[in-house]
Protein backbone atom coordinates (compact mmCIF):
# COMPACT_ATOMS: atom_id res chain seq x y z
CA MET A 1 -30.22 16.85 54.17
CA ARG A 2 -29.27 15.55 50.73
CA TRP A 3 -31.74 16.77 48.15
CA PHE A 4 -32.35 15.34 44.69
CA GLU A 5 -29.77 16.88 42.34
CA GLY A 6 -31.76 16.62 39.10
CA ASP A 7 -34.53 18.82 37.72
CA ILE A 8 -38.28 18.49 38.27
CA ALA A 9 -38.81 16.19 35.28
CA GLN A 10 -36.16 13.76 36.46
CA ALA A 11 -37.49 13.85 40.01
CA VAL A 12 -41.03 13.09 38.81
CA THR A 13 -39.77 10.28 36.60
CA GLN A 14 -37.74 8.74 39.41
CA SER A 15 -40.62 9.00 41.90
CA ARG A 16 -42.91 7.19 39.46
CA ALA A 17 -40.32 4.57 38.72
CA ARG A 18 -39.66 3.92 42.39
CA ASN A 19 -43.35 4.34 43.38
CA ALA A 20 -42.20 6.86 45.96
CA ILE A 21 -43.62 10.05 47.47
CA PHE A 22 -42.57 13.23 45.70
CA VAL A 23 -41.47 15.76 48.34
CA VAL A 24 -41.10 19.43 47.32
CA PHE A 25 -39.69 21.99 49.80
CA VAL A 26 -40.07 25.64 48.78
CA GLU A 27 -37.89 27.74 51.08
CA GLY A 28 -38.29 31.46 51.60
CA GLU A 29 -36.29 34.14 53.36
CA ASN A 30 -38.18 34.44 56.63
CA GLU A 31 -38.05 33.03 60.12
CA THR A 32 -40.67 30.37 59.45
CA SER A 33 -38.65 29.00 56.54
CA GLU A 34 -35.56 28.84 58.73
CA ARG A 35 -37.45 26.89 61.41
CA ILE A 36 -38.85 24.40 58.91
CA SER A 37 -35.40 24.09 57.30
CA GLU A 38 -33.86 23.31 60.69
CA ALA A 39 -36.53 20.66 61.29
CA VAL A 40 -35.95 19.14 57.85
CA ASN A 41 -32.17 19.10 58.33
CA ASN A 42 -32.54 17.13 61.55
CA ASP A 43 -30.75 13.77 61.39
CA ALA A 44 -33.87 11.71 61.98
CA VAL A 45 -35.99 13.69 59.51
CA SER A 46 -33.19 13.67 56.91
CA ALA A 47 -32.72 9.93 57.26
CA LYS A 48 -36.46 9.45 56.84
CA LEU A 49 -36.75 11.68 53.79
CA GLU A 50 -33.64 10.14 52.20
CA GLY A 51 -35.23 6.69 52.27
CA SER A 52 -36.54 4.78 49.29
CA CYS A 53 -40.12 5.94 49.85
CA PHE A 54 -39.35 9.61 49.18
CA VAL A 55 -37.90 11.69 46.36
CA SER A 56 -37.14 15.11 47.82
CA ILE A 57 -36.43 18.26 45.84
CA HIS A 58 -35.61 21.71 47.18
CA PHE A 59 -36.38 25.19 45.77
CA LYS A 60 -35.48 28.63 47.03
CA ASN A 61 -37.22 31.98 46.54
CA ARG A 62 -40.15 30.53 44.57
CA ASP A 63 -43.62 32.00 44.27
CA PRO A 64 -45.54 32.61 47.54
CA PRO A 65 -46.68 31.18 49.84
CA VAL A 66 -43.32 30.26 51.41
CA PRO A 67 -42.23 28.24 53.14
CA SER A 68 -44.10 25.21 51.82
CA LEU A 69 -43.34 21.53 52.18
CA TYR A 70 -45.39 19.39 49.78
CA PHE A 71 -45.87 15.63 50.02
CA ILE A 72 -47.28 14.56 46.63
CA GLY A 73 -48.64 11.07 46.04
CA ARG A 74 -48.32 8.82 43.01
CA ASN A 75 -51.44 10.27 41.36
CA GLY A 76 -50.09 13.82 41.56
CA SER A 77 -52.36 14.99 44.36
CA PRO A 78 -50.79 16.39 47.55
CA ILE A 79 -51.05 14.14 50.62
CA GLU A 80 -49.78 16.70 53.11
CA VAL A 81 -48.75 20.37 52.89
CA VAL A 82 -46.75 22.02 55.66
CA SER A 83 -46.69 25.80 55.37
CA GLU A 84 -46.22 26.91 58.96
CA ALA A 85 -43.46 26.48 61.47
CA CYS A 86 -43.33 23.20 63.35
CA ASP A 87 -40.84 21.36 65.47
CA THR A 88 -39.04 18.15 64.68
CA LYS A 89 -41.50 15.92 66.49
CA THR A 90 -44.52 17.33 64.68
CA LEU A 91 -42.79 17.12 61.31
CA MET A 92 -41.80 13.51 62.05
CA GLN A 93 -45.42 12.67 62.84
CA LYS A 94 -46.59 14.25 59.60
CA ILE A 95 -43.99 12.31 57.63
CA GLU A 96 -45.08 9.02 59.24
CA HIS A 97 -48.71 9.91 58.48
CA VAL A 98 -47.83 10.60 54.85
CA GLU A 99 -45.93 7.32 54.63
CA ASN A 100 -48.87 5.38 56.07
CA VAL A 101 -51.26 7.01 53.61
CA HIS A 102 -48.90 6.23 50.75
CA LEU A 103 -48.65 2.60 51.82
CA GLY A 104 -52.45 2.38 52.26
CA LYS A 105 -52.44 1.86 56.01
CA THR A 106 -54.66 4.89 56.73
CA SER A 107 -57.24 6.82 54.72
CA VAL A 108 -56.45 10.11 53.05
CA THR A 109 -57.34 13.18 55.06
CA PRO A 110 -57.36 16.75 53.78
CA PRO A 111 -53.89 18.28 54.13
CA THR A 112 -53.46 20.64 56.99
CA THR A 113 -51.97 24.03 56.30
CA SER A 114 -52.24 25.64 59.73
CA SER A 115 -52.86 24.80 63.35
CA ALA A 116 -54.21 28.26 64.22
CA SER A 117 -57.84 27.21 63.72
CA ALA A 118 -57.47 24.32 66.14
CA ASP A 119 -55.95 26.64 68.68
CA ARG A 120 -58.76 29.12 68.17
CA ALA A 121 -61.35 26.34 68.49
CA SER A 122 -59.81 25.10 71.72
CA SER A 123 -59.65 28.64 73.04
CA GLY A 124 -63.35 29.15 72.15
CA THR A 125 -64.27 25.96 73.98
CA SER A 126 -62.31 27.03 77.01
CA ASP A 127 -64.01 30.44 76.89
CA LEU A 128 -67.41 28.77 76.74
CA THR A 129 -66.56 26.59 79.73
CA ALA A 130 -65.27 29.57 81.64
CA ALA A 131 -68.38 31.60 80.88
CA SER A 132 -70.68 28.80 81.95
CA SER A 133 -68.79 28.29 85.17
CA SER A 134 -68.67 31.99 85.93
CA THR A 135 -72.47 32.41 85.63
CA PRO A 136 -74.02 29.48 87.47
CA THR A 137 -77.08 31.44 88.14
CA ALA A 138 -77.87 32.19 84.53
CA PRO A 139 -80.93 30.58 83.17
CA LEU A 140 -80.55 27.28 81.41
CA GLU A 141 -82.11 28.61 78.25
CA ASP A 142 -79.59 31.41 78.04
CA ARG A 143 -76.77 29.01 78.46
CA VAL A 144 -78.18 26.73 75.79
CA GLU A 145 -78.66 29.69 73.50
CA ARG A 146 -75.18 30.86 74.18
CA ALA A 147 -73.83 27.42 73.46
CA LYS A 148 -75.75 27.29 70.21
CA GLU A 149 -74.36 30.65 69.21
CA LEU A 150 -70.87 29.54 70.05
CA LEU A 151 -71.35 26.31 68.13
CA GLU A 152 -72.76 28.22 65.16
CA GLU A 153 -69.89 30.62 65.29
CA LYS A 154 -67.47 27.73 65.49
CA ARG A 155 -69.24 26.03 62.57
CA MET A 156 -69.08 29.19 60.50
CA LYS A 157 -65.42 29.62 61.28
CA LYS A 158 -64.80 26.02 60.38
CA LYS A 159 -66.76 26.45 57.17
CA LYS A 160 -64.79 29.55 56.29
CA GLN A 161 -61.62 27.72 57.13
CA GLU A 162 -62.65 24.81 54.92
CA GLU A 163 -63.55 27.18 52.11
CA GLU A 164 -60.21 28.91 52.50
CA GLU A 165 -58.46 25.59 52.51
CA ALA A 166 -60.41 24.53 49.42
CA ARG A 167 -59.46 27.79 47.72
CA GLN A 168 -55.83 27.30 48.67
CA LYS A 169 -55.92 23.75 47.41
CA GLU A 170 -57.49 24.89 44.15
CA MET A 171 -54.83 27.55 43.76
CA LEU A 172 -52.19 24.95 44.54
CA ARG A 173 -53.71 22.55 42.04
CA ARG A 174 -53.75 25.21 39.37
CA LYS A 175 -50.22 26.16 40.22
CA GLU A 176 -49.15 22.55 39.99
CA GLY A 177 -50.98 22.21 36.68
CA GLN A 178 -49.16 25.25 35.37
CA ASN A 179 -45.88 23.83 36.57
CA VAL A 180 -46.64 20.52 34.91
CA GLN A 181 -47.52 22.31 31.65
CA GLU A 182 -44.36 24.33 31.85
CA LEU A 183 -42.42 21.15 32.54
CA LYS A 184 -43.96 19.43 29.53
CA ARG A 185 -43.31 22.44 27.33
CA TRP A 186 -39.72 22.57 28.56
CA GLN A 187 -39.31 18.87 27.85
CA GLN A 188 -40.66 19.33 24.33
CA GLU A 189 -38.33 22.26 23.73
CA GLN A 190 -35.40 20.21 24.97
CA GLU A 191 -36.35 17.29 22.72
CA LEU A 192 -36.68 19.58 19.71
CA LYS A 193 -33.36 21.19 20.56
CA GLN A 194 -31.69 17.80 20.85
CA LEU A 195 -33.19 16.67 17.55
CA LYS A 196 -32.00 19.84 15.87
CA GLU A 197 -28.51 19.49 17.31
CA GLU A 198 -28.40 15.84 16.29
CA ARG A 199 -29.47 16.73 12.75
CA LEU A 200 -26.86 19.48 12.51
CA ARG A 201 -24.20 17.13 13.84
CA GLU A 202 -25.14 14.46 11.29
CA LYS A 203 -24.99 17.00 8.45
CA LYS A 204 -21.61 18.20 9.66
CA MET A 205 -20.29 14.64 9.85
CA GLU A 206 -21.59 13.91 6.34
CA GLN A 207 -19.92 17.06 4.98
CA GLU A 208 -16.65 16.19 6.71
CA ALA A 209 -16.77 12.63 5.37
CA ARG A 210 -17.49 13.90 1.86
CA GLN A 211 -14.67 16.43 2.13
CA ARG A 212 -12.29 13.70 3.26
CA VAL A 213 -13.30 11.53 0.30
CA LEU A 214 -12.77 14.42 -2.13
CA GLU A 215 -9.39 15.21 -0.60
CA GLN A 216 -8.38 11.54 -0.81
CA ILE A 217 -9.44 11.41 -4.47
CA ALA A 218 -7.45 14.57 -5.19
CA GLN A 219 -4.40 13.17 -3.41
CA ASP A 220 -4.65 9.88 -5.33
CA ARG A 221 -4.98 11.74 -8.62
CA ALA A 222 -1.99 13.94 -7.80
CA ALA A 223 0.04 10.90 -6.76
CA ARG A 224 -0.80 9.10 -10.01
CA ASN A 225 0.09 12.17 -12.06
CA ALA A 226 3.36 12.58 -10.19
CA LEU A 227 4.18 8.90 -10.63
CA HIS A 228 3.36 9.05 -14.33
CA ALA A 229 5.46 12.18 -14.77
CA THR A 230 8.36 10.61 -12.86
CA ALA A 231 8.16 7.42 -14.92
CA SER A 232 8.01 9.39 -18.18
CA SER A 233 10.98 11.56 -17.24
CA ALA A 234 12.92 8.48 -16.09
CA SER A 235 12.23 6.64 -19.36
CA VAL A 236 13.19 9.70 -21.41
CA ALA A 237 16.36 10.15 -19.36
CA GLN A 238 17.18 6.45 -19.71
CA GLN A 239 16.68 6.56 -23.46
CA GLY A 240 18.73 9.73 -23.68
CA SER A 241 21.53 8.23 -21.63
CA SER A 242 21.49 4.86 -23.44
CA THR A 243 21.80 6.38 -26.93
CA PRO A 244 25.02 8.29 -26.22
CA THR A 245 26.40 5.21 -24.51
CA ILE A 246 25.85 3.06 -27.57
CA SER A 247 27.27 5.64 -29.93
CA SER A 248 30.24 6.29 -27.69
CA SER A 249 30.93 2.58 -27.26
CA ASN A 250 30.89 1.99 -31.01
CA SER A 251 32.59 5.22 -32.07
CA ASN A 252 36.08 3.93 -31.24
CA GLU A 253 36.11 1.22 -33.89
CA ALA A 254 35.01 0.70 -37.48
CA ARG A 255 33.58 -2.57 -38.81
CA LEU A 256 34.38 -2.84 -42.51
CA GLN A 257 33.04 -5.38 -44.98
CA PHE A 258 35.07 -5.90 -48.13
CA ARG A 259 33.02 -7.02 -51.15
CA LEU A 260 34.80 -8.55 -54.14
CA PRO A 261 33.51 -8.54 -57.73
CA ASP A 262 32.58 -12.23 -57.53
CA GLY A 263 30.28 -11.57 -54.56
CA SER A 264 32.51 -12.93 -51.80
CA THR A 265 32.91 -10.82 -48.68
CA TYR A 266 35.46 -10.35 -45.91
CA SER A 267 34.92 -8.52 -42.62
CA ASN A 268 37.26 -7.06 -40.04
CA ARG A 269 37.34 -4.47 -37.28
CA PHE A 270 39.73 -1.52 -37.27
CA GLU A 271 40.40 1.29 -34.89
CA ALA A 272 38.52 4.46 -35.70
CA ASP A 273 41.80 6.36 -35.90
CA ALA A 274 43.41 3.82 -38.27
CA THR A 275 44.40 5.13 -41.71
CA LEU A 276 43.26 3.93 -45.09
CA ALA A 277 46.79 2.64 -45.74
CA GLU A 278 46.33 0.10 -42.94
CA VAL A 279 43.11 -1.04 -44.60
CA ARG A 280 44.90 -1.50 -47.95
CA GLN A 281 47.62 -3.48 -46.24
CA TYR A 282 45.00 -5.73 -44.62
CA VAL A 283 43.38 -6.38 -48.03
CA ILE A 284 46.75 -7.26 -49.56
CA SER A 285 47.69 -9.57 -46.69
CA ASN A 286 44.40 -11.35 -45.93
CA VAL A 287 42.17 -11.19 -49.01
CA ALA A 288 42.77 -13.54 -51.95
CA LEU A 289 42.33 -11.21 -54.90
CA PRO A 290 41.94 -12.46 -58.51
CA PHE A 291 43.84 -9.39 -59.69
CA THR A 292 47.01 -7.62 -58.68
CA ASN A 293 46.11 -3.97 -58.76
CA PHE A 294 42.95 -2.85 -57.00
CA SER A 295 41.20 0.21 -55.73
CA LEU A 296 38.82 0.79 -52.81
CA ALA A 297 35.44 2.49 -53.13
CA THR A 298 32.20 2.92 -51.24
CA MET A 299 28.90 1.95 -52.75
CA PHE A 300 26.59 4.51 -51.18
CA PRO A 301 27.44 7.30 -51.54
CA ARG A 302 29.56 6.40 -54.56
CA ARG A 303 33.17 7.33 -53.81
CA GLU A 304 36.50 5.89 -54.92
CA PHE A 305 39.51 6.35 -52.66
CA THR A 306 42.81 7.42 -54.16
CA SER A 307 46.39 7.32 -52.91
CA GLN A 308 45.90 10.75 -51.39
CA ASP A 309 43.42 9.22 -48.90
CA ASN A 310 45.93 6.70 -47.53
CA THR A 311 46.90 9.00 -44.65
CA THR A 312 43.31 9.87 -43.76
CA THR A 313 41.71 8.14 -40.78
CA LEU A 314 38.58 6.04 -41.04
CA ARG A 315 36.72 8.53 -38.83
CA ASP A 316 37.49 11.37 -41.21
CA LEU A 317 36.46 9.23 -44.17
CA GLU A 318 33.07 8.67 -42.44
CA LEU A 319 33.55 4.90 -42.31
CA VAL A 320 32.71 4.70 -38.56
CA PRO A 321 31.03 2.69 -37.06
CA SER A 322 30.46 0.37 -40.06
CA SER A 323 30.66 0.51 -43.82
CA VAL A 324 30.87 -1.62 -46.99
CA ILE A 325 33.96 -1.19 -49.17
CA LEU A 326 34.10 -2.47 -52.74
CA VAL A 327 37.43 -3.97 -53.85
CA LEU A 328 37.67 -3.19 -57.57
CA PRO A 329 40.43 -3.94 -60.08
CA ALA A 330 42.49 -0.88 -60.88
CA GLY A 331 42.59 0.14 -64.59
CA GLY A 332 40.45 -2.87 -65.61
CA ARG A 333 37.35 -2.91 -67.73
CA ALA A 334 34.33 -5.09 -67.26
CA VAL A 335 33.94 -7.63 -70.03
CA ALA A 336 30.46 -9.04 -70.13
CA ASP A 337 27.71 -9.44 -72.59
CA GLN A 338 24.57 -7.41 -72.64
CA SER A 339 22.68 -9.72 -70.37
CA ALA A 340 25.55 -9.75 -67.83
CA GLY A 341 25.64 -5.94 -67.81
CA PHE A 342 21.91 -5.79 -67.24
CA PHE A 343 22.06 -8.22 -64.33
CA GLY A 344 25.06 -6.37 -62.86
CA LEU A 345 23.17 -3.10 -63.02
CA ALA A 346 20.16 -4.72 -61.37
CA GLN A 347 22.34 -6.19 -58.63
CA THR A 348 24.01 -2.84 -57.99
CA LEU A 349 20.63 -1.13 -57.83
CA LEU A 350 19.36 -3.80 -55.41
CA LEU A 351 22.39 -3.36 -53.19
CA VAL A 352 21.93 0.40 -53.16
CA LEU A 353 18.27 0.07 -52.20
CA THR A 354 18.87 -2.50 -49.47
CA TYR A 355 21.94 -0.80 -48.01
CA PRO A 356 20.04 1.33 -45.38
CA ILE A 357 18.03 -1.70 -44.25
CA THR A 358 21.22 -3.75 -44.02
CA GLN A 359 22.93 -1.10 -41.92
CA LEU A 360 19.90 -0.83 -39.58
CA TYR A 361 19.73 -4.61 -39.17
CA THR A 362 23.48 -4.74 -38.41
CA PHE A 363 23.17 -1.99 -35.80
CA ILE A 364 20.21 -3.68 -34.04
CA ARG A 365 21.91 -7.10 -34.01
CA GLN A 366 25.12 -5.59 -32.66
CA PHE A 367 23.19 -3.67 -29.98
CA PHE A 368 21.36 -6.75 -28.60
CA SER A 369 24.06 -9.42 -29.09
CA GLY A 370 27.13 -7.33 -28.30
CA PRO A 371 30.37 -7.20 -30.28
CA PRO A 372 32.33 -10.48 -30.54
CA SER A 373 35.71 -10.83 -28.92
CA ASN A 374 38.75 -9.69 -30.89
CA GLY A 375 40.37 -13.11 -30.52
CA ALA A 376 37.42 -14.95 -32.02
CA ASN A 377 37.13 -12.42 -34.81
CA ALA A 378 40.83 -12.62 -35.62
CA ALA A 379 40.70 -16.41 -35.59
CA ALA A 380 37.61 -16.57 -37.78
CA THR A 381 38.78 -14.06 -40.36
CA PRO A 382 41.90 -15.92 -41.59
CA THR A 383 39.97 -19.18 -41.75
CA GLN A 384 37.26 -17.58 -43.84
CA SER A 385 39.88 -15.94 -46.02
CA GLN A 386 41.70 -19.24 -46.57
CA ASN A 387 38.49 -21.10 -47.46
CA GLN A 388 37.34 -18.45 -49.86
CA GLY A 389 40.86 -18.21 -51.32
CA SER A 390 41.04 -21.96 -51.95
CA ASN A 391 37.60 -21.96 -53.55
CA LEU A 392 38.64 -19.10 -55.76
CA GLN A 393 41.83 -20.91 -56.87
CA ASP A 394 39.81 -24.02 -57.72
CA LYS A 395 37.42 -21.99 -59.83
CA ARG A 396 40.25 -20.25 -61.64
CA SER A 397 42.07 -23.51 -62.40
CA GLN A 398 38.85 -25.07 -63.66
CA ARG A 399 38.16 -22.13 -65.95
CA ARG A 400 41.69 -22.17 -67.36
CA SER A 401 41.70 -25.93 -67.98
CA GLY A 402 38.78 -25.61 -70.35
CA GLY A 403 35.62 -27.59 -70.54
CA ALA A 404 32.34 -27.01 -68.87
CA TYR A 405 32.29 -24.83 -65.80
CA ARG A 406 29.36 -24.83 -63.36
CA ARG A 407 28.82 -22.16 -60.82
CA SER A 408 28.52 -23.21 -57.19
CA GLY A 409 25.05 -23.35 -55.75
CA THR A 410 21.80 -24.39 -57.33
CA SER A 411 22.23 -22.41 -60.58
CA ASN A 412 21.82 -24.24 -63.91
CA VAL A 413 23.90 -21.70 -65.86
CA HIS A 414 27.04 -23.22 -67.48
CA ARG A 415 29.85 -21.46 -69.29
CA LEU A 416 32.23 -23.01 -71.80
CA HIS A 417 35.92 -22.04 -71.81
CA GLN A 418 38.70 -22.76 -74.20
CA ASN A 419 42.15 -23.92 -73.22
CA GLN A 420 43.67 -20.69 -74.35
CA SER A 421 44.47 -18.36 -71.53
CA SER A 422 43.88 -14.69 -71.58
CA SER A 423 45.84 -12.17 -69.66
CA ASP A 424 42.72 -10.06 -69.43
CA ASP A 425 41.06 -12.60 -67.09
CA GLU A 426 42.90 -11.14 -64.16
CA ASN A 427 41.34 -7.75 -64.78
CA ASN A 428 37.78 -8.92 -65.41
CA THR A 429 34.99 -7.69 -63.19
CA TRP A 430 32.77 -10.57 -62.17
CA ASN A 431 29.11 -9.82 -61.47
CA GLY A 432 28.06 -12.42 -58.94
CA ASN A 433 24.60 -13.16 -57.68
CA SER A 434 25.59 -13.18 -54.02
CA THR A 435 23.18 -11.55 -51.64
CA GLN A 436 25.38 -11.89 -48.57
CA GLN A 437 25.11 -8.96 -46.24
CA MET A 438 26.97 -7.88 -43.16
């Protein structure tokens, strides 16, 4: 026999859903229970009870009386109760009777709990028949009286039996009511437990989700901080590495600008380890000077180089990477009027003030544009020297020939010269208005 595997609540729910008879078998540990169990486990009975009209559930060692086999209808009232031993045939008849009642083919009769009363009634009837046959000579009235007594006794027994059955049914009804109440209370407890577990699970999931969000935020913040720190260190390292590169690339050469008294300039590049004598030789060979003897000096800080510095390198003279060198006449004296001296002083002061800005501008332009090729520089320098030299010769010849002399450019200042020549002209210091820078 295959019994329903769920609990009582599920069995009741399924019986109501299927509109089937709810069968409850309470098995005890006695001989009667074994006999009923054998009858129930019969193939025919099992096949019948496993049909769609029945939902069978099995209990062991429940409250007395045991054994008990309940057939409960759709309204919750028992249709048949088997509490005594019976064979397979009798149990099959009871099952068919219960099925007919459930389907409405027969009327409901009170459930039978025992067949002992029927046996006792049949035995009483047989005793009455035997007594009447054994005393044929007894008076008719006595026999009638005896029959009445027997009938009354039978009625009383039947009444007692009915009362006992009613009491048993009431006890069974109360027991079923208690079971139903317990089932409802158990269902409520299970529902409350499930709701509580569901609520706890939701809270746990919310906390886990919140923790994951906080961890993700912390990871993102740490990643941003690490990225920012890496970028900062990389930029600092790049700046630190680029600065020595620039200085090292430009520390092997010196870019010198030679400024003459008339404002003209010449530029050239020398090795950082070249001596000052090489610079003097370059001035003699490539610069058209209006005087024969000259001296070299720096403007800021003010320093005039002597013959003792000819063997000193440009690096030791602090002329690396770039510097402005003034080419001045040696032993000469500036001849100019008061206004010319004032303008010369103003020009010198202006050059001193703008020298740091000029050096910074030269360094930035050289850093972004790169140094020009030596070939181009060497080619450009003689051309510039020749042009400036020719212009200077023209000016000198014009001044010596006499007449009006006009400075180049947009100036309206004119100077008159006489035809007489002066040997001091070669040693004059000319204060030009040139603002050319490196």
